[in-house]
Protein backbone atom coordinates (compact mmCIF):
# COMPACT_ATOMS: atom_id res chain seq x y z
CA MET A 1 0.00 0.00 0.00
CA ASN A 2 1.42 3.40 -0.95
CA ILE A 3 0.96 6.81 0.60
CA LYS A 4 -1.43 8.09 -2.07
CA GLU A 5 -3.74 5.12 -1.50
CA ILE A 6 -3.67 5.82 2.22
CA ILE A 7 -4.56 9.49 1.69
CA ASP A 8 -7.54 8.39 -0.44
CA ILE A 9 -8.69 6.05 2.36
CA LEU A 10 -8.51 8.86 4.91
CA TYR A 11 -10.46 11.14 2.58
CA GLU A 12 -13.12 8.50 1.89
CA ASN A 13 -13.57 8.02 5.64
CA SER A 14 -13.95 11.79 6.13
CA LEU A 15 -10.86 11.94 8.30
CA ILE A 16 -9.33 14.60 6.09
CA LYS A 17 -11.07 17.23 3.99
CA SER A 18 -9.05 16.82 0.79
CA ASN A 19 -7.11 14.03 -0.85
CA GLU A 20 -4.73 16.58 -2.39
CA LEU A 21 -2.56 16.79 0.70
CA GLU A 22 1.17 17.24 0.48
CA PHE A 23 3.31 14.53 2.01
CA LYS A 24 6.97 14.05 2.81
CA ALA A 25 8.94 10.93 3.69
CA LEU A 26 10.53 11.03 7.15
CA LYS A 27 13.79 9.48 8.25
CA SER A 28 12.79 6.23 9.89
CA GLY A 29 15.21 6.51 12.82
CA THR A 30 14.96 3.37 14.96
CA THR A 31 11.77 2.10 13.36
CA SER A 32 12.00 -0.39 10.49
CA GLY A 33 8.86 0.94 8.80
CA VAL A 34 8.22 3.76 6.36
CA LEU A 35 7.09 7.12 7.75
CA TYR A 36 5.41 10.06 6.06
CA THR A 37 4.31 13.48 7.27
CA LEU A 38 0.98 14.75 5.91
CA PHE A 39 0.67 18.53 5.54
CA VAL A 40 -2.62 20.39 5.99
CA ASP A 41 -2.49 23.99 4.78
CA ASN A 42 1.29 23.69 4.56
CA THR A 43 1.46 22.66 8.22
CA PRO A 44 2.75 19.19 9.25
CA THR A 45 -0.29 17.66 10.92
CA TYR A 46 -0.28 13.84 10.74
CA VAL A 47 2.21 10.98 10.58
CA VAL A 48 1.56 7.84 8.54
CA LYS A 49 3.52 4.76 9.59
CA ILE A 50 3.57 1.74 7.26
CA ASP A 51 5.02 -1.41 8.78
CA HIS A 52 4.47 -5.08 9.58
CA PRO A 53 0.99 -5.68 11.09
CA SER A 54 2.47 -6.80 14.43
CA ILE A 55 4.40 -3.52 14.71
CA ILE A 56 1.37 -1.45 13.72
CA ASN A 57 -0.80 -3.32 16.21
CA SER A 58 1.60 -2.91 19.13
CA THR A 59 2.02 0.80 18.32
CA LYS A 60 -1.75 1.23 18.24
CA ASP A 61 -2.28 -0.70 21.49
CA PHE A 62 0.33 1.33 23.36
CA LEU A 63 -0.88 4.72 22.13
CA LEU A 64 -4.51 3.87 22.93
CA ALA A 65 -3.61 2.50 26.38
CA TYR A 66 -1.95 5.84 27.19
CA GLN A 67 -4.13 8.14 25.09
CA ASP A 68 -4.49 10.56 28.01
CA VAL A 69 -0.72 11.13 28.18
CA GLN A 70 -0.16 14.48 26.50
CA LEU A 71 3.42 13.66 25.48
CA LEU A 72 2.28 10.86 23.17
CA PRO A 73 0.76 11.28 19.69
CA LYS A 74 -2.97 10.61 19.27
CA VAL A 75 -4.19 7.81 17.01
CA LEU A 76 -6.33 9.03 14.11
CA TYR A 77 -6.80 5.86 12.06
CA ILE A 78 -5.65 2.26 11.65
CA ASN A 79 -6.85 0.10 8.77
CA ASP A 80 -8.43 -3.32 9.30
CA ASN A 81 -5.42 -5.19 7.94
CA LYS A 82 -3.10 -3.23 10.23
CA GLU A 83 -0.87 -2.23 7.35
CA PHE A 84 -0.57 1.36 8.53
CA ILE A 85 -1.44 3.73 11.35
CA VAL A 86 -2.07 7.48 11.28
CA TYR A 87 -1.39 9.64 14.31
CA THR A 88 -0.86 13.29 15.16
CA PHE A 89 2.41 15.01 14.26
CA ILE A 90 4.51 16.44 17.09
CA SER A 91 6.54 19.42 15.91
CA GLY A 92 10.23 19.55 16.78
CA GLU A 93 13.34 17.40 16.43
CA THR A 94 14.86 14.42 18.21
CA HIS A 95 18.29 14.41 19.89
CA PHE A 96 19.05 18.13 19.59
CA ASN A 97 18.20 21.36 21.43
CA ARG A 98 17.16 19.32 24.42
CA GLY A 99 17.78 21.83 27.15
CA SER A 100 18.46 20.62 30.67
CA LYS A 101 18.30 16.85 31.25
CA LEU A 102 16.81 17.51 34.66
CA ARG A 103 14.03 19.51 33.03
CA TRP A 104 13.07 16.91 30.44
CA MET A 105 13.52 14.00 32.86
CA THR A 106 11.16 15.82 35.24
CA ARG A 107 8.44 16.06 32.62
CA LEU A 108 8.98 12.49 31.44
CA THR A 109 8.80 11.14 34.95
CA LYS A 110 5.68 13.02 35.95
CA GLU A 111 3.74 12.75 32.70
CA LEU A 112 4.78 9.36 31.29
CA PHE A 113 6.66 7.06 33.64
CA ASN A 114 4.34 7.73 36.58
CA GLN A 115 1.34 6.84 34.38
CA TYR A 116 2.50 3.32 33.53
CA LEU A 117 -0.04 0.56 34.06
CA LYS A 118 0.39 -2.89 35.59
CA VAL A 119 -0.36 -5.87 33.36
CA ASP A 120 -1.57 -9.38 34.06
CA GLN A 121 1.15 -11.52 35.60
CA ASN A 122 0.49 -14.24 33.00
CA ILE A 123 1.74 -12.00 30.19
CA PRO A 124 5.38 -12.91 29.40
CA TRP A 125 8.24 -10.57 30.19
CA GLY A 126 10.11 -8.91 27.33
CA ARG A 127 9.35 -7.06 24.11
CA VAL A 128 5.81 -7.40 22.85
CA ASN A 129 7.20 -8.06 19.35
CA GLY A 130 10.34 -9.82 20.47
CA ILE A 131 11.55 -12.86 22.37
CA LYS A 132 9.39 -13.70 25.36
CA ARG A 133 11.30 -14.13 28.63
CA LYS A 134 10.50 -16.24 31.67
CA SER A 135 11.76 -13.51 33.97
CA TRP A 136 13.10 -9.97 33.90
CA SER A 137 16.46 -11.43 34.91
CA ASP A 138 16.46 -13.40 31.65
CA PHE A 139 15.83 -10.16 29.74
CA ASN A 140 18.74 -8.51 31.57
CA GLN A 141 21.00 -11.49 30.96
CA ALA A 142 20.41 -11.28 27.22
CA SER A 143 21.16 -7.54 27.32
CA LEU A 144 24.33 -8.23 29.31
CA GLU A 145 25.62 -10.78 26.83
CA SER A 146 24.92 -8.54 23.84
CA ALA A 147 26.61 -5.54 25.47
CA LYS A 148 29.65 -7.57 26.54
CA GLU A 149 30.14 -8.81 22.98
CA ASN A 150 29.91 -5.27 21.56
CA ILE A 151 32.16 -3.70 24.18
CA GLY A 152 34.88 -6.36 24.15
CA ASP A 153 38.25 -5.15 25.40
CA LEU A 154 37.18 -1.51 25.41
CA LEU A 155 36.58 -2.10 29.13
CA PRO A 156 38.85 -4.14 31.40
CA ILE A 157 37.89 -7.75 32.15
CA GLU A 158 37.29 -6.87 35.79
CA ASP A 159 34.61 -4.32 34.82
CA HIS A 160 32.79 -6.98 32.78
CA LYS A 161 32.95 -9.36 35.74
CA ARG A 162 31.67 -6.73 38.15
CA VAL A 163 28.72 -5.89 35.92
CA ALA A 164 27.88 -9.60 35.58
CA SER A 165 27.92 -9.91 39.38
CA LEU A 166 25.73 -6.82 39.63
CA VAL A 167 23.17 -8.37 37.25
CA SER A 168 23.14 -11.54 39.36
CA ALA A 169 22.58 -9.49 42.51
CA LEU A 170 19.64 -7.65 40.91
CA ARG A 171 17.85 -10.99 40.48
CA ASN A 172 16.89 -10.85 44.15
CA TYR A 173 14.80 -7.74 43.55
CA TYR A 174 12.88 -9.20 40.62
CA ILE A 175 11.42 -12.27 42.35
CA HIS A 176 8.28 -10.41 43.43
CA GLU A 177 8.44 -7.61 40.86
CA GLU A 178 5.17 -6.63 39.19
CA LYS A 179 4.93 -6.30 35.41
CA TYR A 180 4.27 -2.97 33.71
CA TYR A 181 3.45 -1.86 30.17
CA LEU A 182 6.41 0.29 29.07
CA HIS A 183 7.30 2.38 26.01
CA GLY A 184 10.44 0.27 25.72
CA ASP A 185 12.59 2.69 23.69
CA ALA A 186 12.36 5.84 25.80
CA GLY A 187 15.52 7.63 24.74
CA VAL A 188 16.51 10.98 23.24
CA HIS A 189 16.29 9.46 19.73
CA ASN A 190 12.53 9.16 20.35
CA PHE A 191 12.00 12.37 22.33
CA VAL A 192 10.83 15.40 20.36
CA TYR A 193 12.25 18.75 21.47
CA SER A 194 11.58 22.31 20.44
CA GLU A 195 13.22 25.44 21.81
CA ASN A 196 15.02 23.40 24.49
CA GLU A 197 11.78 21.88 25.79
CA LEU A 198 10.47 18.31 25.62
CA LYS A 199 7.36 18.26 23.42
CA GLY A 200 6.62 14.60 22.84
CA VAL A 201 7.62 10.93 22.83
CA ILE A 202 7.36 8.84 19.66
CA ASP A 203 8.01 5.33 18.28
CA PRO A 204 7.11 2.96 21.13
CA SER A 205 8.66 -0.51 21.09
CA PRO A 206 6.53 -1.83 23.95
CA ILE A 207 8.03 -3.98 26.67
CA ILE A 208 6.46 -5.88 29.53
CA GLY A 209 9.01 -5.08 32.20
CA THR A 210 9.89 -3.53 35.51
CA ARG A 211 8.80 0.07 36.05
CA ILE A 212 12.34 1.29 36.61
CA TYR A 213 13.56 0.24 33.15
CA ASP A 214 12.29 3.19 31.10
CA PHE A 215 13.44 5.66 33.76
CA THR A 216 17.04 4.41 33.75
CA TYR A 217 16.99 3.99 29.95
CA ALA A 218 15.93 7.61 29.48
CA PHE A 219 18.50 8.92 31.95
CA CYS A 220 21.32 7.04 30.20
CA SER A 221 20.11 7.74 26.66
CA SER A 222 22.33 10.82 26.31
CA PRO A 223 25.86 11.20 27.70
CA ASP A 224 25.27 14.68 29.16
CA SER A 225 24.41 15.31 32.82
CA LEU A 226 25.00 11.72 33.95
CA ASP A 227 25.57 13.02 37.46
CA MET A 228 24.22 12.10 40.87
CA ASN A 229 22.30 15.33 41.40
CA THR A 230 20.36 15.02 38.14
CA LEU A 231 19.66 11.36 38.85
CA MET A 232 18.49 11.74 42.45
CA THR A 233 16.41 14.86 41.79
CA SER A 234 14.62 13.14 38.88
CA PHE A 235 14.22 9.93 40.83
CA SER A 236 12.62 11.74 43.75
CA LEU A 237 9.68 12.47 41.42
CA TRP A 238 9.24 8.84 40.37
CA ASN A 239 6.29 7.03 41.96
CA GLY A 240 7.69 4.14 43.97
CA ASN A 241 11.04 5.75 44.74
CA THR A 242 10.59 5.09 48.45
CA LEU A 243 10.59 1.35 47.75
CA PHE A 244 14.04 1.54 46.17
CA SER A 245 17.30 1.61 48.05
CA LYS A 246 19.99 3.88 46.70
CA GLU A 247 22.12 0.78 46.22
CA ARG A 248 19.59 -0.81 43.88
CA LEU A 249 19.11 2.41 41.92
CA LEU A 250 22.86 2.76 41.37
CA ASP A 251 23.08 -0.87 40.25
CA GLU A 252 20.25 -0.34 37.76
CA ILE A 253 21.95 2.79 36.41
CA LEU A 254 25.36 1.11 36.16
CA PHE A 255 23.88 -1.77 34.20
CA GLN A 256 21.92 0.55 31.93
CA LEU A 257 25.03 2.64 31.30
CA TYR A 258 27.01 -0.51 30.49
CA THR A 259 24.41 -1.68 27.96
CA ARG A 260 24.25 1.85 26.55
CA ILE A 261 27.97 1.77 25.82
CA GLY A 262 27.39 -1.48 23.95
CA VAL A 263 24.61 0.09 21.87
CA CYS A 264 26.68 3.24 21.36
CA ILE A 265 29.59 1.31 19.84
CA LYS A 266 27.23 -0.26 17.32
CA VAL A 267 24.81 2.60 16.55
CA HIS A 268 26.02 5.94 17.97
CA PRO A 269 29.86 5.86 17.83
CA HIS A 270 30.02 9.68 17.88
CA ASP A 271 28.86 9.60 21.52
CA LEU A 272 31.33 6.94 22.63
CA ASN A 273 34.02 9.22 24.06
CA ASP A 274 31.48 11.01 26.25
CA TYR A 275 30.02 7.73 27.47
CA MET A 276 33.48 6.38 28.28
CA GLN A 277 34.17 9.49 30.34
CA ALA A 278 30.88 8.96 32.17
CA TRP A 279 31.83 5.32 32.80
CA ARG A 280 35.16 6.36 34.33
CA GLU A 281 33.22 8.55 36.74
CA TRP A 282 30.54 5.95 37.53
CA ARG A 283 32.77 2.91 37.89
CA GLU A 284 33.71 4.01 41.41
CA TYR A 285 30.19 2.88 42.37
CA LEU A 286 30.81 -0.43 40.62
CA TYR A 287 33.72 -1.03 42.99
CA ARG A 288 32.10 0.36 46.12
């Protein structure tokens, strides 16, 4: 199905007033699908995402589950065959002109992370469109192994061993952990900014996981302001913070930072030097 056919469908269903809309292909970023912006009166107004039905369905389910969250786009239309989805356009850019990390982490925490819903305990852990895991520890173990392979000898063997021990220690916290419905890819590459303010969050890759995952992922998704003050101030706003010891929070951050370095080597090599500097500062907590 092509974009012109989709525009005709929207027009026939009275969702748009004209089928002579302008459209522009968007860079797909981390999504594997094809994205278009639809312009109404020369203003970018809607996004059309064409992808595999399972991806379209999971995107739709997540956005509808959190339709009251102002940071997320609103679903306009999804066809019966789930070949495409149309949702509102959020003006701005990803990655750049972010402003203060504390400021955007504050809004994320209050308006998105604190709104996350519990799911039935019978639903498997892991990515909705990925490998199902028996436990959150299994999900972490897979992330650990992937990161270790990517990082290799960029970090000393003892650091790898310490992180592996840290992941084993975290297992104790997950035994009675409840499952939550998470965005799953909550990083600066999917945060829309304008004039140094966070405006929206796009491209969910939903995960059934622990509530803390998206928080630590977001914090570690850019190498700036990876400091204790930014972390603890943001975390103080997170619902459930009183149930977490500082020790566990630091372990979660260390592991997330470790996996981020692994991703960075593979996908964002331009950030690697900054992440390595952050690791040198954080590794003191690894050896505490």
